[in-house]
């Protein structure tokens, strides 16, 4: 089989039937594999999850890298340690509420968890129009989508094709997912939840004789794992990532192709915003228009002038994101300082109390994606933080992982100055233990020169000026950077490798944020004199 072809398995709702799922997957992989991954649509957890304990504890291994969606039911949230996306056990990854997962092969998988909210107010296990708009924006900025996975079905999928037996997507499906499929044109679209198997004929993504010929899309709805009716719940297929496809072969129309089931008349339309909602969506973490005044004749840029007017509005986010500063999902009590394009925040579950994050205000996935102004401000924050920690007798390690993340996060970890000379050696030792090849790149080089936008990578800047880089091609340990710095020669906190084990209350985090903000103030370039 050509190197660019991916062999993929997709299953419907697992609903707690983990043993039956992974036994079947293991058998199929041995007989017809190797498969590169298993995608799970619909509800992964169910009313009885007793079988999960053996996988979570590592007593039984999962045979393939498995990627799952989030819950569609409120009672299932407790099974997810981090609703933003996390590793559930070895080889099982919860992708997150929504986003695009770029595989190292070039394959691009878009995912959307949960079901459509009944109103435009988001609640756990649901999505709203802003989530769809954000995915549309992400899809248009990079290569097209190969695979779309959603829990809920699109509502109009049966148009121009046979009707689905056992379900009615017009009633239970989502008009927002119909819109998403219509806009992003995935080559494959898989859904669960309905409990039946339905494979629709491929449909066109262009109007014949009026638009250029495009690739077709295929929709497959999968039944629940182990369903008594024995409806099909496991689907295997081969796919060559679109970036490696010959255009003529990609756009070839199969003989059974139908018209597109979606049109402006059966997809969700953008809801109207009130003037107040439109204005509020653009504000910084302080939603009040009054300026921040520390009593020392200084104010924070972007927060307002002496008349209470905002001096500069940040770029508007593309949609909801846990780290886009204008998003309601961001934890604003962690914010330390806000610049024009970038902000500084306390890291949740830090290795040390002063563990910080440098993040772009708007939605960028990694440093190579940044515009020039944002990249320049990231460097300003790094220099200011180096000066602050040097005064405290500490050096700083900066690292970034562009893998299973959606929003750029530059990790800022201060370490004892006497440990700085050992950091490179520890990085290399831990990398070797994990089968990772770390390359040293020139000190004057820029990560954007080494890793083109969209490239999965790990990157670290050491106190000695050395820069380490790893191009992620398959899997990568999510806690690698923390594991290195938590080791005894550096911070000696191996029990804190997993940030989820480092829990603090909101009150504790706010108190720590205030302390760090005060310490950073003398070095904070985002502060300016009132009379300037």
Protein backbone atom coordinates (compact mmCIF):
# COMPACT_ATOMS: atom_id res chain seq x y z
CA UNK A 1 0.00 0.00 0.00
CA UNK A 2 1.36 3.50 -0.84
CA UNK A 3 2.97 5.35 2.07
CA UNK A 4 0.40 8.14 1.97
CA UNK A 5 -2.63 5.87 2.43
CA UNK A 6 -4.14 5.74 5.93
CA UNK A 7 -6.14 2.70 7.11
CA UNK A 8 -8.73 3.88 9.64
CA UNK A 9 -11.42 2.28 11.79
CA UNK A 10 -14.53 4.16 12.96
CA UNK A 11 -17.04 2.92 15.51
CA UNK A 12 -20.42 4.15 16.74
CA UNK A 13 -21.49 4.82 20.34
CA UNK A 14 -19.47 2.60 22.68
CA UNK A 15 -21.75 3.34 25.70
CA UNK A 16 -19.46 1.46 28.06
CA UNK A 17 -19.02 -1.73 25.98
CA UNK A 18 -15.24 -1.38 26.00
CA UNK A 19 -14.35 -5.08 26.07
CA UNK A 20 -16.45 -5.91 23.02
CA UNK A 21 -15.11 -2.88 21.16
CA UNK A 22 -11.42 -3.44 21.75
CA UNK A 23 -11.60 -7.22 21.27
CA UNK A 24 -13.21 -6.71 17.86
CA UNK A 25 -10.79 -3.92 16.94
CA UNK A 26 -7.82 -6.09 17.92
CA UNK A 27 -9.07 -8.98 15.75
CA UNK A 28 -9.75 -6.73 12.76
CA UNK A 29 -6.35 -5.08 13.13
CA UNK A 30 -4.56 -8.44 13.18
CA UNK A 31 -6.43 -9.80 10.16
CA UNK A 32 -6.72 -6.70 7.96
CA UNK A 33 -4.34 -4.13 9.45
CA UNK A 34 -2.32 -2.48 10.52
CA UNK A 35 -4.77 0.40 11.05
CA UNK A 36 -3.39 3.77 12.10
CA UNK A 37 -6.24 4.80 14.41
CA UNK A 38 -9.75 4.21 15.72
CA UNK A 39 -12.25 7.08 15.74
CA UNK A 40 -15.25 6.82 18.09
CA UNK A 41 -18.38 8.86 17.32
CA UNK A 42 -21.36 9.26 19.61
CA UNK A 43 -21.24 8.50 23.35
CA UNK A 44 -18.07 6.74 24.48
CA UNK A 45 -19.24 6.25 28.06
CA UNK A 46 -22.60 4.84 29.13
CA UNK A 47 -24.73 4.02 32.19
CA UNK A 48 -22.35 1.22 33.23
CA UNK A 49 -18.63 1.92 32.83
CA UNK A 50 -17.31 -0.83 35.08
CA UNK A 51 -15.26 -2.28 32.20
CA UNK A 52 -13.35 0.99 31.90
CA UNK A 53 -11.40 0.59 35.17
CA UNK A 54 -9.04 -2.07 33.78
CA UNK A 55 -8.11 0.16 30.84
CA UNK A 56 -7.77 3.28 32.97
CA UNK A 57 -5.46 1.45 35.40
CA UNK A 58 -3.37 0.01 32.56
CA UNK A 59 -4.23 -3.63 33.37
CA UNK A 60 -5.56 -4.10 29.83
CA UNK A 61 -4.06 -2.29 26.84
CA UNK A 62 -5.99 -0.52 24.08
CA UNK A 63 -4.84 -2.00 20.74
CA UNK A 64 -4.91 1.18 18.62
CA UNK A 65 -4.57 4.93 19.12
CA UNK A 66 -8.21 5.79 19.82
CA UNK A 67 -9.78 9.24 19.53
CA UNK A 68 -13.15 9.92 21.13
CA UNK A 69 -15.72 12.69 21.28
CA UNK A 70 -17.12 14.34 24.38
CA UNK A 71 -20.37 13.51 26.17
CA UNK A 72 -23.85 14.21 24.84
CA UNK A 73 -25.45 13.61 28.23
CA UNK A 74 -24.90 15.68 31.36
CA UNK A 75 -24.31 12.66 33.60
CA UNK A 76 -21.28 11.52 31.61
CA UNK A 77 -19.06 14.55 32.25
CA UNK A 78 -17.43 13.05 35.34
CA UNK A 79 -15.64 10.52 33.11
CA UNK A 80 -13.59 13.31 31.50
CA UNK A 81 -10.80 14.75 33.73
CA UNK A 82 -10.50 17.81 31.48
CA UNK A 83 -13.40 18.88 29.28
CA UNK A 84 -11.03 20.83 27.03
CA UNK A 85 -9.42 17.61 25.82
CA UNK A 86 -7.16 15.09 27.55
CA UNK A 87 -5.73 11.59 27.62
CA UNK A 88 -8.31 9.26 29.21
CA UNK A 89 -5.91 6.34 29.44
CA UNK A 90 -2.95 5.06 27.45
CA UNK A 91 -3.88 5.15 23.75
CA UNK A 92 -7.30 6.78 24.32
CA UNK A 93 -7.52 10.52 23.67
CA UNK A 94 -10.55 12.74 24.19
CA UNK A 95 -10.21 15.30 21.39
CA UNK A 96 -12.20 18.11 23.04
CA UNK A 97 -15.46 19.98 22.38
CA UNK A 98 -14.58 20.99 18.81
CA UNK A 99 -11.58 21.63 16.60
CA UNK A 100 -9.34 20.22 13.90
CA UNK A 101 -6.86 17.43 14.60
CA UNK A 102 -3.97 17.55 12.10
CA UNK A 103 -2.34 14.13 11.71
CA UNK A 104 1.35 13.88 10.93
CA UNK A 105 0.46 12.17 7.62
CA UNK A 106 -1.29 15.36 6.47
CA UNK A 107 -4.78 14.01 7.22
CA UNK A 108 -7.08 16.64 8.75
CA UNK A 109 -9.88 15.49 11.05
CA UNK A 110 -12.54 17.95 12.21
CA UNK A 111 -14.48 16.99 15.34
CA UNK A 112 -17.60 18.27 17.06
CA UNK A 113 -18.81 16.80 20.36
CA UNK A 114 -22.29 16.90 21.88
CA UNK A 115 -25.64 17.93 20.46
CA UNK A 116 -27.10 21.19 19.20
CA UNK A 117 -28.31 23.48 22.01
CA UNK A 118 -32.02 24.27 21.97
CA UNK A 119 -31.18 27.96 22.38
CA UNK A 120 -28.07 29.98 21.57
CA UNK A 121 -26.95 29.56 25.17
CA UNK A 122 -24.29 26.92 25.62
CA UNK A 123 -24.52 24.24 28.30
CA UNK A 124 -22.43 21.12 29.03
CA UNK A 125 -22.71 18.55 26.25
CA UNK A 126 -24.05 21.01 23.66
CA UNK A 127 -22.73 23.29 20.94
CA UNK A 128 -24.01 26.60 19.60
CA UNK A 129 -23.67 28.54 16.35
CA UNK A 130 -20.42 30.20 17.48
CA UNK A 131 -18.78 26.76 17.65
CA UNK A 132 -19.83 26.04 14.08
CA UNK A 133 -18.63 29.47 12.90
CA UNK A 134 -15.26 28.89 14.56
CA UNK A 135 -14.82 25.54 12.82
CA UNK A 136 -15.74 27.09 9.47
CA UNK A 137 -13.09 29.76 9.98
CA UNK A 138 -10.43 27.24 10.95
CA UNK A 139 -11.25 25.09 7.94
CA UNK A 140 -10.88 27.91 5.42
CA UNK A 141 -7.49 29.04 6.73
CA UNK A 142 -5.73 25.76 6.01
CA UNK A 143 -6.02 22.70 3.69
CA UNK A 144 -9.46 21.13 3.32
CA UNK A 145 -11.04 18.65 5.74
CA UNK A 146 -10.60 14.95 5.04
CA UNK A 147 -12.84 13.61 7.82
CA UNK A 148 -15.60 15.16 9.92
CA UNK A 149 -16.77 13.30 13.03
CA UNK A 150 -19.78 14.43 15.04
CA UNK A 151 -21.99 12.80 17.63
CA UNK A 152 -25.24 14.14 16.18
CA UNK A 153 -26.37 13.60 12.58
CA UNK A 154 -26.92 16.44 10.10
CA UNK A 155 -30.64 17.09 9.66
CA UNK A 156 -30.96 17.08 5.86
CA UNK A 157 -28.70 14.16 5.03
CA UNK A 158 -31.42 11.97 3.42
CA UNK A 159 -32.33 14.52 0.73
CA UNK A 160 -31.84 13.04 -2.79
CA UNK A 161 -31.16 9.60 -1.27
CA UNK A 162 -32.99 6.70 0.31
CA UNK A 163 -34.54 7.41 3.69
CA UNK A 164 -32.99 6.06 6.86
CA UNK A 165 -34.84 3.13 8.42
CA UNK A 166 -35.24 3.50 12.15
CA UNK A 167 -34.56 7.22 12.50
CA UNK A 168 -35.65 10.57 11.14
CA UNK A 169 -32.73 13.03 10.81
CA UNK A 170 -35.18 15.78 9.87
CA UNK A 171 -36.48 15.59 13.45
CA UNK A 172 -33.46 14.51 15.50
CA UNK A 173 -30.60 15.83 13.35
CA UNK A 174 -28.82 19.16 13.64
CA UNK A 175 -29.23 22.02 11.16
CA UNK A 176 -25.94 23.43 12.46
CA UNK A 177 -24.09 20.22 11.54
CA UNK A 178 -25.80 20.36 8.13
CA UNK A 179 -24.38 23.84 7.74
CA UNK A 180 -20.92 22.72 8.86
CA UNK A 181 -20.85 19.83 6.38
CA UNK A 182 -22.13 22.13 3.63
CA UNK A 183 -19.43 24.74 4.31
CA UNK A 184 -16.34 22.60 4.96
CA UNK A 185 -17.10 19.77 2.45
CA UNK A 186 -15.50 16.82 4.27
CA UNK A 187 -14.65 13.81 2.17
CA UNK A 188 -16.04 11.54 4.90
CA UNK A 189 -18.55 12.41 7.61
CA UNK A 190 -19.26 9.95 10.46
CA UNK A 191 -21.92 10.30 13.17
CA UNK A 192 -23.45 8.24 15.96
CA UNK A 193 -26.23 8.71 18.54
CA UNK A 194 -29.15 7.53 16.34
CA UNK A 195 -28.43 3.86 17.02
CA UNK A 196 -28.72 2.71 13.39
CA UNK A 197 -26.39 2.12 10.46
CA UNK A 198 -26.88 4.30 7.40
CA UNK A 199 -24.45 4.78 4.52
CA UNK A 200 -25.60 7.45 2.15
CA UNK A 201 -24.67 7.58 -1.52
CA UNK A 202 -21.81 10.02 -2.17
CA UNK A 203 -22.92 13.56 -2.97
CA UNK A 204 -21.49 16.43 -5.01
CA UNK A 205 -19.97 19.57 -3.53
CA UNK A 206 -20.46 21.71 -6.63
CA UNK A 207 -23.20 22.78 -9.01
CA UNK A 208 -22.76 21.00 -12.32
CA UNK A 209 -21.78 23.30 -15.22
CA UNK A 210 -21.77 26.33 -12.91
CA UNK A 211 -18.88 25.62 -10.52
CA UNK A 212 -15.56 23.85 -10.83
CA UNK A 213 -15.65 20.15 -10.09
CA UNK A 214 -14.89 19.28 -6.48
CA UNK A 215 -14.42 16.05 -4.56
CA UNK A 216 -17.52 14.19 -3.34
CA UNK A 217 -18.56 13.66 0.29
CA UNK A 218 -19.67 10.41 1.92
CA UNK A 219 -21.82 10.22 5.06
CA UNK A 220 -21.91 7.16 7.31
CA UNK A 221 -24.03 6.86 10.45
CA UNK A 222 -22.96 4.04 12.79
CA UNK A 223 -24.97 2.00 15.31
CA UNK A 224 -24.11 1.37 18.96
CA UNK A 225 -21.40 -1.14 19.82
CA UNK A 226 -22.91 -4.57 20.53
CA UNK A 227 -26.46 -3.55 19.61
CA UNK A 228 -28.92 -6.53 19.77
CA UNK A 229 -30.22 -5.81 16.25
CA UNK A 230 -26.68 -6.41 14.99
CA UNK A 231 -26.63 -3.18 13.00
CA UNK A 232 -23.15 -2.32 11.72
CA UNK A 233 -21.12 -0.39 14.29
CA UNK A 234 -17.53 -0.73 13.01
CA UNK A 235 -16.42 0.72 9.68
CA UNK A 236 -13.02 0.31 8.00
CA UNK A 237 -11.73 2.39 5.10
CA UNK A 238 -8.60 3.64 3.38
CA UNK A 239 -7.94 7.30 2.67
CA UNK A 240 -5.11 9.29 1.15
CA UNK A 241 -4.82 12.74 2.77
CA UNK A 242 -6.08 15.40 0.42
CA UNK A 243 -2.72 17.17 0.42
CA UNK A 244 -1.20 14.09 -1.26
CA UNK A 245 -4.00 13.47 -3.77
CA UNK A 246 -3.82 13.95 -7.50
CA UNK A 247 -6.43 16.61 -8.30
CA UNK A 248 -7.95 14.71 -11.22
CA UNK A 249 -8.27 11.56 -9.15
CA UNK A 250 -9.63 13.48 -6.16
CA UNK A 251 -12.43 15.16 -8.13
CA UNK A 252 -13.47 12.08 -10.11
CA UNK A 253 -17.24 11.65 -9.72
CA UNK A 254 -18.47 8.10 -8.96
CA UNK A 255 -21.38 6.77 -11.08
CA UNK A 256 -23.81 6.73 -8.10
CA UNK A 257 -23.13 10.34 -7.00
CA UNK A 258 -26.18 12.44 -6.04
CA UNK A 259 -26.87 16.12 -5.60
CA UNK A 260 -25.77 17.77 -2.36
CA UNK A 261 -28.49 17.32 0.30
CA UNK A 262 -27.75 20.70 1.84
CA UNK A 263 -28.78 24.16 0.71
CA UNK A 264 -29.37 27.57 2.25
CA UNK A 265 -32.95 26.52 2.92
CA UNK A 266 -32.14 23.60 5.24
CA UNK A 267 -29.06 24.73 7.16
CA UNK A 268 -28.76 26.90 10.25
CA UNK A 269 -28.33 30.62 9.67
CA UNK A 270 -26.35 32.96 11.89
CA UNK A 271 -28.53 34.23 14.77
CA UNK A 272 -28.89 37.95 15.13
CA UNK A 273 -26.97 39.61 17.97
CA UNK A 274 -28.18 42.50 20.01
CA UNK A 275 -25.96 45.58 20.08
CA UNK A 276 -25.02 44.77 23.67
CA UNK A 277 -24.00 41.20 22.80
CA UNK A 278 -21.93 42.38 19.84
CA UNK A 279 -20.07 44.89 22.01
CA UNK A 280 -19.54 42.55 24.95
CA UNK A 281 -17.99 39.88 22.73
CA UNK A 282 -15.07 42.17 21.95
CA UNK A 283 -14.11 43.23 25.46
CA UNK A 284 -11.03 42.19 27.38
CA UNK A 285 -11.15 40.11 30.55
CA UNK A 286 -12.40 43.19 32.41
CA UNK A 287 -15.89 43.66 30.95
CA UNK A 288 -16.26 47.08 32.54
CA UNK A 289 -15.11 50.02 30.39
CA UNK A 290 -13.30 51.74 33.25
CA UNK A 291 -9.47 51.74 33.12
CA UNK A 292 -7.28 49.74 35.44
CA UNK A 293 -5.46 52.15 37.72
CA UNK A 294 -2.94 50.83 40.23
CA UNK A 295 -2.82 54.13 42.12
CA UNK A 296 0.69 54.83 40.87
CA UNK A 297 -0.18 56.82 37.76
CA UNK A 298 -0.13 53.80 35.45
CA UNK A 299 -2.74 51.93 33.46
CA UNK A 300 -2.73 48.75 31.42
CA UNK A 301 -2.78 49.23 27.68
CA UNK A 302 -6.01 48.23 26.03
CA UNK A 303 -8.10 48.61 29.18
CA UNK A 304 -9.13 52.25 28.74
CA UNK A 305 -8.03 55.84 29.12
CA UNK A 306 -8.88 58.34 31.80
CA UNK A 307 -12.31 58.93 30.26
CA UNK A 308 -13.22 55.26 30.48
CA UNK A 309 -12.87 54.70 26.73
CA UNK A 310 -11.01 51.62 25.45
CA UNK A 311 -7.71 52.67 23.99
CA UNK A 312 -7.33 49.68 21.68
CA UNK A 313 -9.59 46.74 20.94
CA UNK A 314 -7.97 43.34 20.41
CA UNK A 315 -8.62 41.42 17.18
CA UNK A 316 -11.99 39.69 17.40
CA UNK A 317 -11.73 35.93 18.07
CA UNK A 318 -12.90 33.51 15.41
CA UNK A 319 -15.20 31.78 17.90
CA UNK A 320 -15.35 30.16 21.35
CA UNK A 321 -11.99 28.96 22.64
CA UNK A 322 -10.67 28.17 26.11
CA UNK A 323 -7.75 30.55 25.55
CA UNK A 324 -9.04 33.28 23.21
CA UNK A 325 -9.22 36.19 25.64
CA UNK A 326 -12.60 37.51 24.51
CA UNK A 327 -14.18 34.07 24.79
CA UNK A 328 -16.56 33.43 27.71
CA UNK A 329 -14.77 30.10 28.27
CA UNK A 330 -11.44 31.68 29.27
CA UNK A 331 -10.68 31.66 33.00
CA UNK A 332 -10.17 35.38 33.43
CA UNK A 333 -9.05 35.22 37.05
CA UNK A 334 -5.75 33.70 35.82
CA UNK A 335 -4.80 36.68 33.62
CA UNK A 336 -1.68 38.54 34.78
CA UNK A 337 -1.03 41.06 32.02
CA UNK A 338 -2.55 41.99 28.65
CA UNK A 339 -0.67 43.50 25.74
CA UNK A 340 -1.91 44.56 22.32
CA UNK A 341 -1.73 41.09 20.77
CA UNK A 342 -0.57 38.71 23.51
CA UNK A 343 -1.36 38.13 27.16
CA UNK A 344 0.27 36.50 30.18
CA UNK A 345 -1.62 34.13 32.48
CA UNK A 346 -1.07 31.85 35.43
CA UNK A 347 -0.90 28.18 34.36
CA UNK A 348 -3.43 25.86 35.94
CA UNK A 349 -1.73 23.06 37.84
CA UNK A 350 1.70 24.63 37.53
CA UNK A 351 4.96 22.84 38.28
CA UNK A 352 5.85 25.79 40.52
CA UNK A 353 3.66 28.67 41.76
CA UNK A 354 5.21 31.01 39.16
CA UNK A 355 4.51 28.67 36.20
CA UNK A 356 3.02 30.98 33.55
CA UNK A 357 1.65 30.90 30.00
CA UNK A 358 2.20 33.35 27.14
CA UNK A 359 -0.81 33.24 24.81
CA UNK A 360 -2.07 35.20 21.78
CA UNK A 361 -5.26 37.15 22.45
CA UNK A 362 -6.88 35.82 19.28
CA UNK A 363 -6.88 32.34 17.82
CA UNK A 364 -3.47 31.11 16.64
CA UNK A 365 -2.53 27.44 16.91
CA UNK A 366 1.26 27.72 17.17
CA UNK A 367 4.15 30.17 17.02
CA UNK A 368 4.76 29.64 13.26
CA UNK A 369 1.12 30.71 12.68
CA UNK A 370 1.55 34.07 14.43
CA UNK A 371 1.56 37.37 12.59
CA UNK A 372 4.61 39.61 12.97
CA UNK A 373 3.09 41.89 15.64
CA UNK A 374 2.05 38.97 17.83
CA UNK A 375 5.41 37.22 17.46
CA UNK A 376 7.22 40.41 18.44
CA UNK A 377 5.08 40.78 21.56
CA UNK A 378 5.69 37.16 22.57
CA UNK A 379 9.42 37.95 22.55
CA UNK A 380 8.81 41.07 24.65
CA UNK A 381 7.06 38.99 27.29
CA UNK A 382 9.92 36.46 27.27
CA UNK A 383 12.53 39.18 27.81
CA UNK A 384 10.51 40.81 30.58
CA UNK A 385 10.02 37.48 32.35
CA UNK A 386 13.72 36.64 32.11
CA UNK A 387 14.53 39.94 33.81
CA UNK A 388 11.96 39.38 36.54
CA UNK A 389 13.13 35.87 37.38
CA UNK A 390 16.81 36.80 37.16
CA UNK A 391 16.22 39.28 39.97
CA UNK A 392 14.85 36.36 42.01
CA UNK A 393 17.91 34.22 41.28
CA UNK A 394 16.14 32.01 38.78
CA UNK A 395 16.46 31.12 35.10
CA UNK A 396 13.59 30.32 32.73
CA UNK A 397 12.73 27.47 30.38
CA UNK A 398 10.19 28.19 27.63
CA UNK A 399 8.57 25.32 25.79
CA UNK A 400 5.71 24.76 23.34
CA UNK A 401 3.91 21.63 22.16
CA UNK A 402 1.96 21.95 18.91
CA UNK A 403 0.30 18.55 19.20
CA UNK A 404 -3.25 17.89 20.36
CA UNK A 405 -3.67 21.59 21.07
CA UNK A 406 -5.82 24.23 19.41
CA UNK A 407 -4.49 27.50 20.84
CA UNK A 408 -0.83 28.48 21.17
CA UNK A 409 0.52 28.16 24.70
CA UNK A 410 4.14 29.06 25.45
CA UNK A 411 4.92 27.47 28.82
CA UNK A 412 7.08 29.60 31.12
CA UNK A 413 8.77 27.64 33.93
CA UNK A 414 11.31 29.27 36.28
CA UNK A 415 14.03 26.96 37.61
CA UNK A 416 16.89 27.41 40.11
CA UNK A 417 19.84 29.13 38.43
CA UNK A 418 22.20 26.39 39.61
CA UNK A 419 20.18 23.80 37.64
CA UNK A 420 20.35 25.68 34.32
CA UNK A 421 23.50 23.93 33.13
CA UNK A 422 21.85 20.50 33.54
CA UNK A 423 18.64 21.18 31.63
CA UNK A 424 19.88 20.17 28.18
CA UNK A 425 21.28 16.87 29.46
CA UNK A 426 18.03 16.02 31.26
CA UNK A 427 16.00 16.86 28.14
CA UNK A 428 18.17 14.49 26.10
CA UNK A 429 18.00 11.69 28.70
CA UNK A 430 14.21 11.83 29.03
CA UNK A 431 13.86 12.08 25.24
CA UNK A 432 15.97 8.94 24.82
CA UNK A 433 13.86 7.11 27.42
CA UNK A 434 10.75 8.00 25.40
CA UNK A 435 12.24 7.17 22.02
CA UNK A 436 12.26 10.83 20.97
CA UNK A 437 14.97 12.40 18.85
CA UNK A 438 15.62 15.98 19.91
CA UNK A 439 17.55 18.20 17.51
CA UNK A 440 19.45 21.29 18.51
CA UNK A 441 18.76 24.19 16.16
CA UNK A 442 20.91 27.33 15.82
CA UNK A 443 20.53 29.83 18.66
CA UNK A 444 19.70 32.67 16.29
CA UNK A 445 17.10 30.66 14.38
CA UNK A 446 13.33 31.13 14.62
CA UNK A 447 10.99 28.20 15.16
CA UNK A 448 8.92 29.47 12.22
CA UNK A 449 11.94 28.86 9.98
CA UNK A 450 12.17 25.24 11.12
CA UNK A 451 8.50 24.25 11.46
CA UNK A 452 6.08 25.50 8.78
CA UNK A 453 2.58 26.46 9.95
CA UNK A 454 0.53 23.37 10.79
CA UNK A 455 3.55 21.18 11.62
CA UNK A 456 3.20 19.17 14.86
CA UNK A 457 6.29 19.80 17.01
CA UNK A 458 7.83 20.20 20.45
CA UNK A 459 10.16 23.15 21.00
CA UNK A 460 12.13 24.36 24.01
CA UNK A 461 14.34 27.39 24.71
CA UNK A 462 16.87 26.76 27.47
CA UNK A 463 18.49 29.29 29.84
CA UNK A 464 21.84 28.65 28.12
CA UNK A 465 20.39 29.92 24.83
CA UNK A 466 20.19 26.44 23.31
CA UNK A 467 17.05 25.56 21.36
CA UNK A 468 15.71 22.01 21.11
CA UNK A 469 13.23 20.82 18.48
CA UNK A 470 11.37 17.60 17.71
CA UNK A 471 9.18 17.13 14.64
CA UNK A 472 6.28 14.97 15.82
CA UNK A 473 5.48 12.32 13.25
CA UNK A 474 3.45 9.75 15.17
CA UNK A 475 2.63 9.86 18.87
CA UNK A 476 4.20 12.09 21.50
CA UNK A 477 3.98 12.04 25.34
CA UNK A 478 1.74 14.96 26.25
CA UNK A 479 3.57 15.66 29.52
CA UNK A 480 7.10 15.45 28.07
CA UNK A 481 8.14 19.03 28.89
CA UNK A 482 6.75 18.79 32.42
CA UNK A 483 8.39 15.40 32.95
CA UNK A 484 11.81 16.87 32.13
CA UNK A 485 11.50 19.91 34.38
CA UNK A 486 9.85 17.98 37.24
CA UNK A 487 12.82 15.57 37.47
CA UNK A 488 15.02 15.59 40.62
CA UNK A 489 18.01 17.41 39.07
CA UNK A 490 15.84 20.40 38.18
CA UNK A 491 12.66 21.01 40.20
CA UNK A 492 12.41 17.64 41.97
CA UNK A 493 8.60 17.48 41.87
CA UNK A 494 7.94 14.22 39.96
CA UNK A 495 4.52 13.97 41.60
CA UNK A 496 3.44 17.08 39.66
CA UNK A 497 4.12 15.79 36.15
CA UNK A 498 0.38 15.56 35.43
CA UNK A 499 -1.13 19.04 35.82
CA UNK A 500 -4.49 17.51 36.72
CA UNK A 501 -2.97 16.34 40.01
CA UNK A 502 -2.15 19.96 40.95
CA UNK A 503 -5.50 21.31 42.02
CA UNK A 504 -6.15 24.72 43.56
CA UNK A 505 -9.34 26.60 44.31
CA UNK A 506 -10.32 29.67 42.33
CA UNK A 507 -9.66 31.78 45.42
CA UNK A 508 -6.13 30.35 45.77
CA UNK A 509 -5.43 30.90 42.07
CA UNK A 510 -6.69 34.50 42.22
CA UNK A 511 -4.50 35.24 45.24
CA UNK A 512 -1.46 33.78 43.48
CA UNK A 513 -2.27 35.69 40.28
CA UNK A 514 -2.34 38.96 42.23
CA UNK A 515 1.02 38.18 43.82
CA UNK A 516 2.60 37.44 40.43
CA UNK A 517 1.04 40.54 38.88
CA UNK A 518 2.64 42.70 41.59
CA UNK A 519 6.03 41.02 41.08
CA UNK A 520 5.83 41.45 37.30
CA UNK A 521 4.74 45.09 37.40
CA UNK A 522 8.26 46.64 37.36
CA UNK A 523 9.03 44.64 34.20
CA UNK A 524 5.62 44.88 32.54
CA UNK A 525 5.97 46.71 29.21
CA UNK A 526 2.17 46.79 28.85
CA UNK A 527 2.06 49.47 31.56
CA UNK A 528 2.53 53.06 30.50
CA UNK A 529 2.67 56.36 32.33
CA UNK A 530 -0.63 58.19 32.60
CA UNK A 531 0.77 61.39 31.07
CA UNK A 532 2.17 59.66 27.97
